């Protein structure tokens, strides 16, 4: 795998050399991949030190096509004909450029993610589709997430969802379940496999192990129509500040990535969903500060008599109803994980 940061550090070293002279509009570039139909470069402007990803295209894109590529504050996307870029002369490029010198690490993560997506494209059209999809996902991230990383509550929620996914994969469910992970998109259910849905909740317990409440964010989370088969997975965990022991979010991400080594498409999709969830590897040190110990797990089948508030019960004009369920009241509805696994195996091939 190409180490984007190492390549950029090498360019920075070249730019900083007192023996090198550069023109004001020059770009110092490195070729990442020549795909024949298009080539992928990485570059830095010597004077402004802005990072950029350059993708060669034979002809300039239409105005409508360029305007369809999402951009946001801090990132500029444009096309330009450059005089000479290594072996290419007078070639048109689509350029994704960092607008400010700050936040190098986040921009490098963006470049790395774009590269891993578009390098798999077989032709220019496929590449442009992948580029647009990736930019749209990052636009969503920058619109909805804090650049400083996930909050403590968001870290805990993501840990719970990933724990359930990893546990199901370990117990025989196809890694393709990653396709059905919808939590990063803030949808009503965290895992949606056609008519089978799983909502994941984490609950903290203290040293007395008395974590007995489940917090529901809105009336839709535990609502299901007649066709839906809905499960509630509750992960009871102890949160350890300064990570005295336990598993970190970083460790869990590494574990599920390792389990997908033989499933490169799912691994790529996992990384995309992690970005959507607000998880970036550049926040590694932050996520090392908190550890989690799984105390116990419960799986409930949500049926007609399950203690919940549904959309049909909420008066007209009332929305975003938050409520709390006493865990003990759910116990009559506890079901075996084997039943859920069997249903998932039948639906996910």
C-alpha atoms as a PDB file:
ATOM      1  CA  UNK A   1       0.000   0.000   0.000  1.00  0.00           C
ATOM      2  CA  UNK A   2       1.281   3.471  -0.864  1.00  0.00           C
ATOM      3  CA  UNK A   3       2.248   5.616   2.133  1.00  0.00           C
ATOM      4  CA  UNK A   4       0.845   9.022   1.176  1.00  0.00           C
ATOM      5  CA  UNK A   5       2.325  10.802   4.168  1.00  0.00           C
ATOM      6  CA  UNK A   6       5.813   9.426   3.513  1.00  0.00           C
ATOM      7  CA  UNK A   7       5.673  10.608  -0.107  1.00  0.00           C
ATOM      8  CA  UNK A   8       4.528  14.075   0.947  1.00  0.00           C
ATOM      9  CA  UNK A   9       7.264  14.258   3.579  1.00  0.00           C
ATOM     10  CA  UNK A  10       9.768  13.471   0.818  1.00  0.00           C
ATOM     11  CA  UNK A  11       8.388  16.294  -1.323  1.00  0.00           C
ATOM     12  CA  UNK A  12       8.557  18.682   1.653  1.00  0.00           C
ATOM     13  CA  UNK A  13      12.220  17.750   2.146  1.00  0.00           C
ATOM     14  CA  UNK A  14      12.961  18.464  -1.520  1.00  0.00           C
ATOM     15  CA  UNK A  15      11.166  21.806  -1.358  1.00  0.00           C
ATOM     16  CA  UNK A  16      13.071  22.810   1.789  1.00  0.00           C
ATOM     17  CA  UNK A  17      16.467  22.137   0.219  1.00  0.00           C
ATOM     18  CA  UNK A  18      18.499  25.375  -0.123  1.00  0.00           C
ATOM     19  CA  UNK A  19      19.929  24.025  -3.379  1.00  0.00           C
ATOM     20  CA  UNK A  20      16.526  23.871  -5.085  1.00  0.00           C
ATOM     21  CA  UNK A  21      14.891  26.767  -6.903  1.00  0.00           C
ATOM     22  CA  UNK A  22      11.250  26.762  -8.004  1.00  0.00           C
ATOM     23  CA  UNK A  23       8.995  28.949 -10.120  1.00  0.00           C
ATOM     24  CA  UNK A  24       6.010  30.569  -8.353  1.00  0.00           C
ATOM     25  CA  UNK A  25       3.410  28.446 -10.163  1.00  0.00           C
ATOM     26  CA  UNK A  26       5.442  25.224 -10.126  1.00  0.00           C
ATOM     27  CA  UNK A  27       4.138  21.991  -8.577  1.00  0.00           C
ATOM     28  CA  UNK A  28       6.477  19.302  -7.261  1.00  0.00           C
ATOM     29  CA  UNK A  29       4.794  16.004  -8.087  1.00  0.00           C
ATOM     30  CA  UNK A  30       5.159  12.266  -7.684  1.00  0.00           C
ATOM     31  CA  UNK A  31       3.431   9.657  -9.814  1.00  0.00           C
ATOM     32  CA  UNK A  32       1.266   7.349  -7.719  1.00  0.00           C
ATOM     33  CA  UNK A  33      -0.200   5.204 -10.502  1.00  0.00           C
ATOM     34  CA  UNK A  34      -0.335   5.168 -14.294  1.00  0.00           C
ATOM     35  CA  UNK A  35      -3.589   3.471 -15.280  1.00  0.00           C
ATOM     36  CA  UNK A  36      -3.241   4.087 -19.003  1.00  0.00           C
ATOM     37  CA  UNK A  37      -6.620   5.802 -19.388  1.00  0.00           C
ATOM     38  CA  UNK A  38      -5.674   8.174 -16.581  1.00  0.00           C
ATOM     39  CA  UNK A  39      -2.773   8.769 -14.188  1.00  0.00           C
ATOM     40  CA  UNK A  40      -2.785   9.735 -10.515  1.00  0.00           C
ATOM     41  CA  UNK A  41      -0.244  12.160  -9.068  1.00  0.00           C
ATOM     42  CA  UNK A  42       0.349  13.793  -5.729  1.00  0.00           C
ATOM     43  CA  UNK A  43       1.913  17.224  -5.491  1.00  0.00           C
ATOM     44  CA  UNK A  44       2.850  20.205  -3.347  1.00  0.00           C
ATOM     45  CA  UNK A  45       3.140  23.860  -4.337  1.00  0.00           C
ATOM     46  CA  UNK A  46       6.638  24.964  -3.175  1.00  0.00           C
ATOM     47  CA  UNK A  47       5.710  28.488  -2.145  1.00  0.00           C
ATOM     48  CA  UNK A  48       2.331  27.973  -0.478  1.00  0.00           C
ATOM     49  CA  UNK A  49       3.008  24.372   0.656  1.00  0.00           C
ATOM     50  CA  UNK A  50      -0.461  23.277  -0.380  1.00  0.00           C
ATOM     51  CA  UNK A  51      -1.008  19.570  -0.961  1.00  0.00           C
ATOM     52  CA  UNK A  52      -2.933  18.415  -4.008  1.00  0.00           C
ATOM     53  CA  UNK A  53      -4.082  15.297  -5.799  1.00  0.00           C
ATOM     54  CA  UNK A  54      -3.911  15.470  -9.596  1.00  0.00           C
ATOM     55  CA  UNK A  55      -5.696  13.084 -11.948  1.00  0.00           C
ATOM     56  CA  UNK A  56      -4.933  13.325 -15.655  1.00  0.00           C
ATOM     57  CA  UNK A  57      -7.805  13.359 -18.141  1.00  0.00           C
ATOM     58  CA  UNK A  58      -7.370  13.331 -21.912  1.00  0.00           C
ATOM     59  CA  UNK A  59      -9.885  16.131 -22.508  1.00  0.00           C
ATOM     60  CA  UNK A  60     -11.292  18.800 -20.185  1.00  0.00           C
ATOM     61  CA  UNK A  61     -14.513  17.860 -18.419  1.00  0.00           C
ATOM     62  CA  UNK A  62     -17.719  19.704 -19.172  1.00  0.00           C
ATOM     63  CA  UNK A  63     -18.765  22.582 -16.949  1.00  0.00           C
ATOM     64  CA  UNK A  64     -21.732  20.580 -15.646  1.00  0.00           C
ATOM     65  CA  UNK A  65     -19.493  17.635 -14.756  1.00  0.00           C
ATOM     66  CA  UNK A  66     -17.066  19.842 -12.849  1.00  0.00           C
ATOM     67  CA  UNK A  67     -19.860  21.635 -11.011  1.00  0.00           C
ATOM     68  CA  UNK A  68     -21.292  18.286  -9.937  1.00  0.00           C
ATOM     69  CA  UNK A  69     -18.123  17.540  -7.937  1.00  0.00           C
ATOM     70  CA  UNK A  70     -18.787  18.650  -4.340  1.00  0.00           C
ATOM     71  CA  UNK A  71     -16.386  21.042  -2.657  1.00  0.00           C
ATOM     72  CA  UNK A  72     -16.283  22.658   0.774  1.00  0.00           C
ATOM     73  CA  UNK A  73     -14.382  25.194   2.821  1.00  0.00           C
ATOM     74  CA  UNK A  74     -10.717  24.216   2.890  1.00  0.00           C
ATOM     75  CA  UNK A  75     -10.720  22.145  -0.305  1.00  0.00           C
ATOM     76  CA  UNK A  76     -10.725  23.458  -3.873  1.00  0.00           C
ATOM     77  CA  UNK A  77     -11.585  21.272  -6.874  1.00  0.00           C
ATOM     78  CA  UNK A  78     -10.860  22.464 -10.387  1.00  0.00           C
ATOM     79  CA  UNK A  79      -9.375  21.415 -13.729  1.00  0.00           C
ATOM     80  CA  UNK A  80      -6.333  22.884 -15.395  1.00  0.00           C
ATOM     81  CA  UNK A  81      -4.061  22.250 -18.342  1.00  0.00           C
ATOM     82  CA  UNK A  82      -0.472  21.973 -17.148  1.00  0.00           C
ATOM     83  CA  UNK A  83       2.594  22.472 -19.302  1.00  0.00           C
ATOM     84  CA  UNK A  84       4.694  19.567 -18.048  1.00  0.00           C
ATOM     85  CA  UNK A  85       4.007  16.995 -15.333  1.00  0.00           C
ATOM     86  CA  UNK A  86       6.736  14.358 -15.403  1.00  0.00           C
ATOM     87  CA  UNK A  87       6.159  12.438 -18.659  1.00  0.00           C
ATOM     88  CA  UNK A  88       2.915  14.259 -19.534  1.00  0.00           C
ATOM     89  CA  UNK A  89       2.980  17.472 -21.548  1.00  0.00           C
ATOM     90  CA  UNK A  90       0.039  19.819 -22.095  1.00  0.00           C
ATOM     91  CA  UNK A  91      -2.269  17.434 -20.236  1.00  0.00           C
ATOM     92  CA  UNK A  92      -5.545  18.355 -18.537  1.00  0.00           C
ATOM     93  CA  UNK A  93      -5.889  17.500 -14.851  1.00  0.00           C
ATOM     94  CA  UNK A  94      -8.675  17.363 -12.308  1.00  0.00           C
ATOM     95  CA  UNK A  95      -7.082  18.762  -9.155  1.00  0.00           C
ATOM     96  CA  UNK A  96      -8.204  18.381  -5.540  1.00  0.00           C
ATOM     97  CA  UNK A  97      -6.232  21.045  -3.692  1.00  0.00           C
ATOM     98  CA  UNK A  98      -5.860  21.977  -0.059  1.00  0.00           C
ATOM     99  CA  UNK A  99      -6.772  25.656   0.313  1.00  0.00           C
ATOM    100  CA  UNK A 100      -5.016  26.321   3.612  1.00  0.00           C
ATOM    101  CA  UNK A 101      -1.727  25.117   5.056  1.00  0.00           C
ATOM    102  CA  UNK A 102      -3.411  23.964   8.269  1.00  0.00           C
ATOM    103  CA  UNK A 103      -4.978  20.545   8.841  1.00  0.00           C
ATOM    104  CA  UNK A 104      -2.381  18.690   6.740  1.00  0.00           C
ATOM    105  CA  UNK A 105      -3.273  15.412   8.436  1.00  0.00           C
ATOM    106  CA  UNK A 106      -6.967  15.553   7.568  1.00  0.00           C
ATOM    107  CA  UNK A 107      -6.203  16.489   3.978  1.00  0.00           C
ATOM    108  CA  UNK A 108      -3.690  13.648   3.705  1.00  0.00           C
ATOM    109  CA  UNK A 109      -6.411  11.265   4.906  1.00  0.00           C
ATOM    110  CA  UNK A 110      -8.682  12.669   2.200  1.00  0.00           C
ATOM    111  CA  UNK A 111      -6.030  12.130  -0.490  1.00  0.00           C
ATOM    112  CA  UNK A 112      -5.328   8.587   0.700  1.00  0.00           C
ATOM    113  CA  UNK A 113      -9.020   7.697   0.673  1.00  0.00           C
ATOM    114  CA  UNK A 114      -9.567   9.153  -2.809  1.00  0.00           C
ATOM    115  CA  UNK A 115      -6.528   7.297  -4.130  1.00  0.00           C
ATOM    116  CA  UNK A 116      -7.601   3.901  -2.760  1.00  0.00           C
ATOM    117  CA  UNK A 117     -11.008   4.367  -4.367  1.00  0.00           C
ATOM    118  CA  UNK A 118     -10.108   5.667  -7.827  1.00  0.00           C
ATOM    119  CA  UNK A 119      -7.025   3.477  -8.363  1.00  0.00           C
ATOM    120  CA  UNK A 120      -9.368   0.490  -8.710  1.00  0.00           C
ATOM    121  CA  UNK A 121     -11.262   2.080 -11.602  1.00  0.00           C
ATOM    122  CA  UNK A 122     -10.862   0.367 -14.973  1.00  0.00           C
ATOM    123  CA  UNK A 123     -11.381   3.484 -17.084  1.00  0.00           C
ATOM    124  CA  UNK A 124     -11.802   7.244 -16.865  1.00  0.00           C
ATOM    125  CA  UNK A 125     -15.589   7.158 -16.507  1.00  0.00           C
ATOM    126  CA  UNK A 126     -15.407   4.693 -13.631  1.00  0.00           C
ATOM    127  CA  UNK A 127     -12.692   6.817 -12.061  1.00  0.00           C
ATOM    128  CA  UNK A 128     -14.825   9.967 -12.240  1.00  0.00           C
ATOM    129  CA  UNK A 129     -17.778   8.127 -10.689  1.00  0.00           C
ATOM    130  CA  UNK A 130     -15.583   6.900  -7.827  1.00  0.00           C
ATOM    131  CA  UNK A 131     -14.094  10.371  -7.396  1.00  0.00           C
ATOM    132  CA  UNK A 132     -17.530  11.967  -7.158  1.00  0.00           C
ATOM    133  CA  UNK A 133     -18.817   9.372  -4.688  1.00  0.00           C
ATOM    134  CA  UNK A 134     -15.753   9.758  -2.477  1.00  0.00           C
ATOM    135  CA  UNK A 135     -15.937  13.552  -2.509  1.00  0.00           C
ATOM    136  CA  UNK A 136     -19.636  13.401  -1.631  1.00  0.00           C
ATOM    137  CA  UNK A 137     -18.847  11.186   1.355  1.00  0.00           C
ATOM    138  CA  UNK A 138     -16.131  13.536   2.582  1.00  0.00           C
ATOM    139  CA  UNK A 139     -18.407  16.516   2.038  1.00  0.00           C
ATOM    140  CA  UNK A 140     -20.907  14.765   4.308  1.00  0.00           C
ATOM    141  CA  UNK A 141     -18.166  14.200   6.870  1.00  0.00           C
ATOM    142  CA  UNK A 142     -17.060  17.832   6.931  1.00  0.00           C
ATOM    143  CA  UNK A 143     -20.688  18.990   7.080  1.00  0.00           C
ATOM    144  CA  UNK A 144     -21.617  16.766  10.022  1.00  0.00           C
ATOM    145  CA  UNK A 145     -18.492  16.002  12.035  1.00  0.00           C
ATOM    146  CA  UNK A 146     -16.011  17.829  14.207  1.00  0.00           C
ATOM    147  CA  UNK A 147     -12.535  17.959  12.701  1.00  0.00           C
ATOM    148  CA  UNK A 148     -11.100  17.314  16.164  1.00  0.00           C
ATOM    149  CA  UNK A 149     -12.581  13.825  16.309  1.00  0.00           C
ATOM    150  CA  UNK A 150     -15.555  12.048  17.822  1.00  0.00           C
ATOM    151  CA  UNK A 151     -17.057  13.001  21.163  1.00  0.00           C
ATOM    152  CA  UNK A 152     -16.873  10.506  24.027  1.00  0.00           C
ATOM    153  CA  UNK A 153     -20.519   9.569  23.462  1.00  0.00           C
ATOM    154  CA  UNK A 154     -19.989   9.094  19.723  1.00  0.00           C
ATOM    155  CA  UNK A 155     -16.902   6.951  20.354  1.00  0.00           C
ATOM    156  CA  UNK A 156     -18.901   4.697  22.657  1.00  0.00           C
ATOM    157  CA  UNK A 157     -21.735   4.361  20.140  1.00  0.00           C
ATOM    158  CA  UNK A 158     -19.346   3.517  17.304  1.00  0.00           C
ATOM    159  CA  UNK A 159     -17.553   0.982  19.498  1.00  0.00           C
ATOM    160  CA  UNK A 160     -20.869  -0.768  20.139  1.00  0.00           C
ATOM    161  CA  UNK A 161     -21.830  -0.948  16.466  1.00  0.00           C
ATOM    162  CA  UNK A 162     -18.405  -2.235  15.416  1.00  0.00           C
ATOM    163  CA  UNK A 163     -18.378  -4.757  18.247  1.00  0.00           C
ATOM    164  CA  UNK A 164     -21.701  -6.216  17.098  1.00  0.00           C
ATOM    165  CA  UNK A 165     -20.541  -6.353  13.465  1.00  0.00           C
ATOM    166  CA  UNK A 166     -17.245  -8.030  14.363  1.00  0.00           C
ATOM    167  CA  UNK A 167     -18.984 -10.511  16.654  1.00  0.00           C
ATOM    168  CA  UNK A 168     -21.461 -11.507  13.940  1.00  0.00           C
ATOM    169  CA  UNK A 169     -18.683 -11.948  11.365  1.00  0.00           C
ATOM    170  CA  UNK A 170     -16.669 -14.069  13.802  1.00  0.00           C
ATOM    171  CA  UNK A 171     -19.694 -16.296  14.348  1.00  0.00           C
ATOM    172  CA  UNK A 172     -20.283 -17.046  10.687  1.00  0.00           C
ATOM    173  CA  UNK A 173     -22.187 -14.134   9.169  1.00  0.00           C
ATOM    174  CA  UNK A 174     -20.760 -13.061   5.805  1.00  0.00           C
ATOM    175  CA  UNK A 175     -18.445 -10.013   5.903  1.00  0.00           C
ATOM    176  CA  UNK A 176     -20.848  -8.582   3.323  1.00  0.00           C
ATOM    177  CA  UNK A 177     -22.892  -7.450   6.329  1.00  0.00           C
ATOM    178  CA  UNK A 178     -20.747  -4.302   6.109  1.00  0.00           C
ATOM    179  CA  UNK A 179     -22.933  -3.334   3.134  1.00  0.00           C
ATOM    180  CA  UNK A 180     -25.923  -3.159   5.449  1.00  0.00           C
ATOM    181  CA  UNK A 181     -24.318  -1.099   8.209  1.00  0.00           C
ATOM    182  CA  UNK A 182     -26.293   2.156   8.185  1.00  0.00           C
ATOM    183  CA  UNK A 183     -25.290   3.647  11.536  1.00  0.00           C
ATOM    184  CA  UNK A 184     -22.777   6.097  10.014  1.00  0.00           C
ATOM    185  CA  UNK A 185     -25.587   7.628   7.953  1.00  0.00           C
ATOM    186  CA  UNK A 186     -27.695   8.320  11.058  1.00  0.00           C
ATOM    187  CA  UNK A 187     -30.539   6.195   9.773  1.00  0.00           C
ATOM    188  CA  UNK A 188     -33.229   4.917  12.112  1.00  0.00           C
ATOM    189  CA  UNK A 189     -31.715   1.437  12.447  1.00  0.00           C
ATOM    190  CA  UNK A 190     -27.987   0.671  12.635  1.00  0.00           C
ATOM    191  CA  UNK A 191     -28.043  -2.505  10.512  1.00  0.00           C
ATOM    192  CA  UNK A 192     -30.726  -2.947   7.838  1.00  0.00           C
ATOM    193  CA  UNK A 193     -30.792  -6.192   5.850  1.00  0.00           C
ATOM    194  CA  UNK A 194     -33.950  -5.879   3.786  1.00  0.00           C
ATOM    195  CA  UNK A 195     -36.766  -6.518   6.278  1.00  0.00           C
ATOM    196  CA  UNK A 196     -34.417  -7.551   9.103  1.00  0.00           C
ATOM    197  CA  UNK A 197     -33.162  -4.657  11.209  1.00  0.00           C
ATOM    198  CA  UNK A 198     -30.851  -4.401  14.204  1.00  0.00           C
ATOM    199  CA  UNK A 199     -30.661  -1.371  16.458  1.00  0.00           C
ATOM    200  CA  UNK A 200     -27.492  -1.301  18.589  1.00  0.00           C
ATOM    201  CA  UNK A 201     -27.354   0.422  21.963  1.00  0.00           C
ATOM    202  CA  UNK A 202     -24.482   0.713  24.396  1.00  0.00           C
ATOM    203  CA  UNK A 203     -25.001   1.308  28.090  1.00  0.00           C
ATOM    204  CA  UNK A 204     -22.322   2.207  30.612  1.00  0.00           C
ATOM    205  CA  UNK A 205     -22.087   0.343  33.891  1.00  0.00           C
ATOM    206  CA  UNK A 206     -20.155   1.468  36.948  1.00  0.00           C
ATOM    207  CA  UNK A 207     -18.145  -0.655  39.379  1.00  0.00           C
ATOM    208  CA  UNK A 208     -21.418  -2.060  40.771  1.00  0.00           C
ATOM    209  CA  UNK A 209     -22.417  -3.303  37.275  1.00  0.00           C
ATOM    210  CA  UNK A 210     -25.763  -1.501  37.613  1.00  0.00           C
ATOM    211  CA  UNK A 211     -26.218  -0.263  34.101  1.00  0.00           C
ATOM    212  CA  UNK A 212     -29.946  -0.841  33.780  1.00  0.00           C
ATOM    213  CA  UNK A 213     -31.294   1.734  31.322  1.00  0.00           C
ATOM    214  CA  UNK A 214     -31.415   2.003  27.541  1.00  0.00           C
ATOM    215  CA  UNK A 215     -31.636   5.456  25.988  1.00  0.00           C
ATOM    216  CA  UNK A 216     -33.721   5.736  22.802  1.00  0.00           C
ATOM    217  CA  UNK A 217     -33.083   8.783  20.610  1.00  0.00           C
ATOM    218  CA  UNK A 218     -36.419   9.067  18.806  1.00  0.00           C
ATOM    219  CA  UNK A 219     -39.743   7.359  18.201  1.00  0.00           C
ATOM    220  CA  UNK A 220     -38.547   5.787  14.936  1.00  0.00           C
ATOM    221  CA  UNK A 221     -35.667   3.719  16.351  1.00  0.00           C
ATOM    222  CA  UNK A 222     -37.857   0.951  17.749  1.00  0.00           C
ATOM    223  CA  UNK A 223     -40.769   1.387  15.356  1.00  0.00           C
ATOM    224  CA  UNK A 224     -41.308  -1.351  12.801  1.00  0.00           C
ATOM    225  CA  UNK A 225     -43.993  -1.954  10.221  1.00  0.00           C
ATOM    226  CA  UNK A 226     -45.675  -5.320   9.811  1.00  0.00           C
ATOM    227  CA  UNK A 227     -42.975  -6.531   7.432  1.00  0.00           C
ATOM    228  CA  UNK A 228     -39.959  -5.650   9.588  1.00  0.00           C
ATOM    229  CA  UNK A 229     -38.174  -8.133  11.815  1.00  0.00           C
ATOM    230  CA  UNK A 230     -36.564  -5.899  14.437  1.00  0.00           C
ATOM    231  CA  UNK A 231     -33.894  -6.756  17.009  1.00  0.00           C
ATOM    232  CA  UNK A 232     -32.399  -4.613  19.756  1.00  0.00           C
ATOM    233  CA  UNK A 233     -28.780  -5.450  20.609  1.00  0.00           C
ATOM    234  CA  UNK A 234     -27.633  -4.000  23.936  1.00  0.00           C
ATOM    235  CA  UNK A 235     -23.923  -3.949  24.782  1.00  0.00           C
ATOM    236  CA  UNK A 236     -23.254  -3.272  28.456  1.00  0.00           C
ATOM    237  CA  UNK A 237     -19.745  -1.944  28.929  1.00  0.00           C
ATOM    238  CA  UNK A 238     -17.462  -0.339  31.442  1.00  0.00           C
ATOM    239  CA  UNK A 239     -15.686   2.790  30.231  1.00  0.00           C
ATOM    240  CA  UNK A 240     -12.141   3.272  31.484  1.00  0.00           C
ATOM    241  CA  UNK A 241     -10.612   6.737  31.263  1.00  0.00           C
ATOM    242  CA  UNK A 242      -6.859   6.888  30.618  1.00  0.00           C
ATOM    243  CA  UNK A 243      -7.267   3.309  29.306  1.00  0.00           C
ATOM    244  CA  UNK A 244      -6.009   1.435  32.350  1.00  0.00           C
ATOM    245  CA  UNK A 245      -7.156  -1.735  30.582  1.00  0.00           C
ATOM    246  CA  UNK A 246      -9.766  -2.880  28.122  1.00  0.00           C
ATOM    247  CA  UNK A 247     -10.059  -2.588  24.365  1.00  0.00           C
ATOM    248  CA  UNK A 248      -9.804   0.757  22.612  1.00  0.00           C
ATOM    249  CA  UNK A 249     -11.771   1.924  19.610  1.00  0.00           C
ATOM    250  CA  UNK A 250      -8.520   1.810  17.628  1.00  0.00           C
ATOM    251  CA  UNK A 251      -7.969  -1.836  18.544  1.00  0.00           C
ATOM    252  CA  UNK A 252     -11.493  -2.797  17.550  1.00  0.00           C
ATOM    253  CA  UNK A 253     -11.158  -1.023  14.191  1.00  0.00           C
ATOM    254  CA  UNK A 254      -7.850  -2.842  13.580  1.00  0.00           C
ATOM    255  CA  UNK A 255      -9.458  -6.164  14.502  1.00  0.00           C
ATOM    256  CA  UNK A 256     -12.371  -5.815  12.106  1.00  0.00           C
ATOM    257  CA  UNK A 257     -10.037  -4.568   9.363  1.00  0.00           C
ATOM    258  CA  UNK A 258      -7.892  -7.675   9.829  1.00  0.00           C
ATOM    259  CA  UNK A 259     -10.961  -9.891   9.571  1.00  0.00           C
ATOM    260  CA  UNK A 260     -11.684  -8.343   6.163  1.00  0.00           C
ATOM    261  CA  UNK A 261      -8.206  -8.917   4.694  1.00  0.00           C
ATOM    262  CA  UNK A 262      -9.574 -11.458   2.214  1.00  0.00           C
ATOM    263  CA  UNK A 263     -12.546  -9.213   1.407  1.00  0.00           C
ATOM    264  CA  UNK A 264     -10.925  -6.096  -0.132  1.00  0.00           C
ATOM    265  CA  UNK A 265     -14.214  -4.636  -1.339  1.00  0.00           C
ATOM    266  CA  UNK A 266     -15.712  -4.902   2.148  1.00  0.00           C
ATOM    267  CA  UNK A 267     -12.526  -3.500   3.680  1.00  0.00           C
ATOM    268  CA  UNK A 268     -12.741  -0.494   1.376  1.00  0.00           C
ATOM    269  CA  UNK A 269     -16.420  -0.078   2.223  1.00  0.00           C
ATOM    270  CA  UNK A 270     -15.671  -0.317   5.948  1.00  0.00           C
ATOM    271  CA  UNK A 271     -13.126   2.494   5.695  1.00  0.00           C
ATOM    272  CA  UNK A 272     -15.639   4.595   3.779  1.00  0.00           C
ATOM    273  CA  UNK A 273     -18.296   4.026   6.446  1.00  0.00           C
ATOM    274  CA  UNK A 274     -15.786   4.850   9.182  1.00  0.00           C
ATOM    275  CA  UNK A 275     -15.160   8.217   7.547  1.00  0.00           C
ATOM    276  CA  UNK A 276     -18.925   8.752   7.422  1.00  0.00           C
ATOM    277  CA  UNK A 277     -19.082   7.953  11.130  1.00  0.00           C
ATOM    278  CA  UNK A 278     -16.393  10.570  11.799  1.00  0.00           C
ATOM    279  CA  UNK A 279     -13.554   8.134  12.511  1.00  0.00           C
ATOM    280  CA  UNK A 280     -10.154   9.070  11.084  1.00  0.00           C
ATOM    281  CA  UNK A 281      -6.854   7.362  11.855  1.00  0.00           C
ATOM    282  CA  UNK A 282      -5.237  10.748  12.493  1.00  0.00           C
ATOM    283  CA  UNK A 283      -7.150  10.876  15.789  1.00  0.00           C
ATOM    284  CA  UNK A 284      -5.423   7.682  16.949  1.00  0.00           C
ATOM    285  CA  UNK A 285      -3.955   9.182  20.129  1.00  0.00           C
ATOM    286  CA  UNK A 286      -7.310  10.609  21.208  1.00  0.00           C
ATOM    287  CA  UNK A 287      -9.015   7.229  20.898  1.00  0.00           C
ATOM    288  CA  UNK A 288      -6.225   5.507  22.839  1.00  0.00           C
ATOM    289  CA  UNK A 289      -7.235   7.394  25.980  1.00  0.00           C
ATOM    290  CA  UNK A 290     -10.429   5.406  26.576  1.00  0.00           C
ATOM    291  CA  UNK A 291     -10.762   1.650  27.010  1.00  0.00           C
ATOM    292  CA  UNK A 292     -13.891  -0.506  27.079  1.00  0.00           C
ATOM    293  CA  UNK A 293     -14.653  -3.766  28.855  1.00  0.00           C
ATOM    294  CA  UNK A 294     -17.709  -5.707  27.704  1.00  0.00           C
ATOM    295  CA  UNK A 295     -19.609  -6.660  30.862  1.00  0.00           C
ATOM    296  CA  UNK A 296     -22.539  -8.454  29.245  1.00  0.00           C
ATOM    297  CA  UNK A 297     -24.712  -8.460  26.141  1.00  0.00           C
ATOM    298  CA  UNK A 298     -28.426  -8.807  25.523  1.00  0.00           C
ATOM    299  CA  UNK A 299     -30.366  -9.414  22.325  1.00  0.00           C
ATOM    300  CA  UNK A 300     -34.090  -8.660  22.276  1.00  0.00           C
ATOM    301  CA  UNK A 301     -36.713  -9.312  19.637  1.00  0.00           C
ATOM    302  CA  UNK A 302     -38.858  -6.195  19.388  1.00  0.00           C
ATOM    303  CA  UNK A 303     -42.472  -7.285  18.996  1.00  0.00           C
ATOM    304  CA  UNK A 304     -45.907  -5.836  19.701  1.00  0.00           C
ATOM    305  CA  UNK A 305     -45.640  -5.960  23.499  1.00  0.00           C
ATOM    306  CA  UNK A 306     -42.066  -4.720  23.738  1.00  0.00           C
ATOM    307  CA  UNK A 307     -41.775  -1.613  25.981  1.00  0.00           C
ATOM    308  CA  UNK A 308     -41.351   1.212  23.486  1.00  0.00           C
ATOM    309  CA  UNK A 309     -42.876   4.296  21.912  1.00  0.00           C
ATOM    310  CA  UNK A 310     -43.737   3.941  18.228  1.00  0.00           C
ATOM    311  CA  UNK A 311     -44.511   6.509  15.554  1.00  0.00           C
ATOM    312  CA  UNK A 312     -48.197   5.559  15.522  1.00  0.00           C
ATOM    313  CA  UNK A 313     -48.492   6.374  19.233  1.00  0.00           C
ATOM    314  CA  UNK A 314     -47.016   9.865  18.999  1.00  0.00           C
ATOM    315  CA  UNK A 315     -49.550  12.705  18.630  1.00  0.00           C
ATOM    316  CA  UNK A 316     -49.552  14.671  15.397  1.00  0.00           C
ATOM    317  CA  UNK A 317     -46.987  17.457  15.483  1.00  0.00           C
ATOM    318  CA  UNK A 318     -44.750  15.767  18.069  1.00  0.00           C
ATOM    319  CA  UNK A 319     -41.320  14.639  16.838  1.00  0.00           C
ATOM    320  CA  UNK A 320     -37.910  13.495  18.111  1.00  0.00           C
ATOM    321  CA  UNK A 321     -39.277  11.814  21.222  1.00  0.00           C
ATOM    322  CA  UNK A 322     -36.430  10.726  23.498  1.00  0.00           C
ATOM    323  CA  UNK A 323     -37.129   8.184  26.207  1.00  0.00           C
ATOM    324  CA  UNK A 324     -35.502   5.633  28.484  1.00  0.00           C
ATOM    325  CA  UNK A 325     -36.321   1.936  28.850  1.00  0.00           C
ATOM    326  CA  UNK A 326     -35.697  -0.028  32.030  1.00  0.00           C
ATOM    327  CA  UNK A 327     -33.555  -2.983  30.972  1.00  0.00           C
ATOM    328  CA  UNK A 328     -35.374  -5.390  33.307  1.00  0.00           C
ATOM    329  CA  UNK A 329     -38.629  -4.714  31.455  1.00  0.00           C
ATOM    330  CA  UNK A 330     -37.032  -6.023  28.239  1.00  0.00           C
ATOM    331  CA  UNK A 331     -35.890  -9.355  29.653  1.00  0.00           C
ATOM    332  CA  UNK A 332     -39.064 -11.317  28.701  1.00  0.00           C
ATOM    333  CA  UNK A 333     -38.203 -10.520  25.067  1.00  0.00           C
ATOM    334  CA  UNK A 334     -34.611 -11.757  25.152  1.00  0.00           C
ATOM    335  CA  UNK A 335     -33.795 -14.158  22.331  1.00  0.00           C
ATOM    336  CA  UNK A 336     -30.849 -16.275  21.261  1.00  0.00           C
ATOM    337  CA  UNK A 337     -28.164 -14.880  18.994  1.00  0.00           C
ATOM    338  CA  UNK A 338     -28.205 -18.154  17.060  1.00  0.00           C
ATOM    339  CA  UNK A 339     -31.652 -17.291  15.702  1.00  0.00           C
ATOM    340  CA  UNK A 340     -30.451 -13.910  14.460  1.00  0.00           C
ATOM    341  CA  UNK A 341     -27.280 -15.395  12.956  1.00  0.00           C
ATOM    342  CA  UNK A 342     -29.260 -18.028  11.083  1.00  0.00           C
ATOM    343  CA  UNK A 343     -31.583 -15.379   9.633  1.00  0.00           C
ATOM    344  CA  UNK A 344     -28.643 -13.204   8.587  1.00  0.00           C
ATOM    345  CA  UNK A 345     -26.885 -16.147   6.942  1.00  0.00           C
ATOM    346  CA  UNK A 346     -30.006 -16.820   4.881  1.00  0.00           C
ATOM    347  CA  UNK A 347     -30.247 -13.195   3.743  1.00  0.00           C
ATOM    348  CA  UNK A 348     -26.555 -12.329   3.226  1.00  0.00           C
ATOM    349  CA  UNK A 349     -24.719 -14.652   0.847  1.00  0.00           C
END
